[in-house]
């Protein structure tokens, strides 16, 4: 938790049945998120729910928690 009392990230889960179809659905959701996380539109949509002061703080975490792991995993593709 940051000094302002907000968590630096939101945890979201996607669940599906534990079969091949479910694995494919989760993979597709994961692929879509990885593609769009790098876009300004995703960042704006994610941060817009917070107060301006919180947005500044969370923007630091957005880069570190969402963007850097993607860059390490593979080069980012444009949507």
Protein backbone atom coordinates (compact mmCIF):
# COMPACT_ATOMS: atom_id res chain seq x y z
CA UNK A 1 0.00 0.00 0.00
CA UNK A 2 1.30 3.47 -0.80
CA UNK A 3 1.65 6.35 1.63
CA UNK A 4 -1.72 7.69 0.42
CA UNK A 5 -3.47 4.52 1.53
CA UNK A 6 -4.30 3.19 -1.92
CA UNK A 7 -2.96 -0.05 -3.28
CA UNK A 8 -0.62 0.36 -6.25
CA UNK A 9 -2.59 -2.10 -8.34
CA UNK A 10 -5.91 -3.85 -8.78
CA UNK A 11 -6.05 -7.61 -8.94
CA UNK A 12 -8.45 -9.05 -11.48
CA UNK A 13 -9.13 -12.71 -12.07
CA UNK A 14 -10.58 -14.55 -15.03
CA UNK A 15 -11.98 -17.98 -14.37
CA UNK A 16 -13.07 -20.71 -16.71
CA UNK A 17 -13.73 -24.39 -16.54
CA UNK A 18 -10.59 -26.46 -16.20
CA UNK A 19 -10.57 -28.04 -19.61
CA UNK A 20 -8.93 -27.27 -22.95
CA UNK A 21 -11.66 -24.79 -23.93
CA UNK A 22 -11.25 -22.90 -20.65
CA UNK A 23 -7.47 -22.77 -21.09
CA UNK A 24 -7.92 -21.29 -24.56
CA UNK A 25 -10.34 -18.64 -23.28
CA UNK A 26 -7.95 -17.58 -20.53
CA UNK A 27 -5.06 -17.50 -23.01
CA UNK A 28 -7.05 -15.27 -25.37
CA UNK A 29 -7.96 -12.87 -22.55
CA UNK A 30 -4.32 -12.83 -21.44
CA UNK A 31 -3.10 -12.15 -24.99
CA UNK A 32 -5.59 -9.30 -25.45
CA UNK A 33 -4.61 -7.68 -22.16
CA UNK A 34 -0.91 -7.97 -22.95
CA UNK A 35 -1.52 -6.29 -26.29
CA UNK A 36 -3.54 -3.39 -24.89
CA UNK A 37 -1.77 -2.71 -21.60
CA UNK A 38 0.90 -0.82 -23.54
CA UNK A 39 -1.60 1.60 -25.09
CA UNK A 40 -2.33 5.07 -23.72
CA UNK A 41 -6.05 4.27 -23.89
CA UNK A 42 -5.66 1.35 -21.48
CA UNK A 43 -3.63 3.43 -19.04
CA UNK A 44 -6.16 6.27 -19.15
CA UNK A 45 -9.09 3.89 -18.68
CA UNK A 46 -7.34 2.24 -15.75
CA UNK A 47 -6.35 5.45 -13.98
CA UNK A 48 -9.45 7.54 -14.64
CA UNK A 49 -11.31 6.08 -11.66
CA UNK A 50 -8.86 7.65 -9.22
CA UNK A 51 -8.39 11.18 -7.94
CA UNK A 52 -5.74 13.23 -9.80
CA UNK A 53 -3.28 12.93 -6.90
CA UNK A 54 -3.79 9.17 -6.81
CA UNK A 55 -3.35 8.95 -10.59
CA UNK A 56 0.14 10.44 -10.28
CA UNK A 57 1.10 7.86 -7.67
CA UNK A 58 -0.48 4.94 -9.52
CA UNK A 59 1.13 5.91 -12.83
CA UNK A 60 4.50 4.98 -11.30
CA UNK A 61 3.24 1.51 -10.47
CA UNK A 62 1.54 1.10 -13.85
CA UNK A 63 4.91 1.36 -15.51
CA UNK A 64 6.71 -0.96 -13.08
CA UNK A 65 4.01 -3.59 -12.50
CA UNK A 66 2.36 -3.79 -15.93
CA UNK A 67 4.74 -2.46 -18.56
CA UNK A 68 8.18 -3.64 -17.47
CA UNK A 69 7.24 -7.34 -17.13
CA UNK A 70 5.76 -7.26 -20.64
CA UNK A 71 8.91 -5.75 -22.09
CA UNK A 72 10.99 -8.40 -20.37
CA UNK A 73 8.71 -11.15 -21.70
CA UNK A 74 8.73 -10.05 -25.34
CA UNK A 75 8.81 -6.94 -27.49
CA UNK A 76 5.48 -5.14 -27.41
CA UNK A 77 3.30 -5.32 -30.50
CA UNK A 78 1.00 -2.55 -31.56
CA UNK A 79 -2.73 -3.36 -31.21
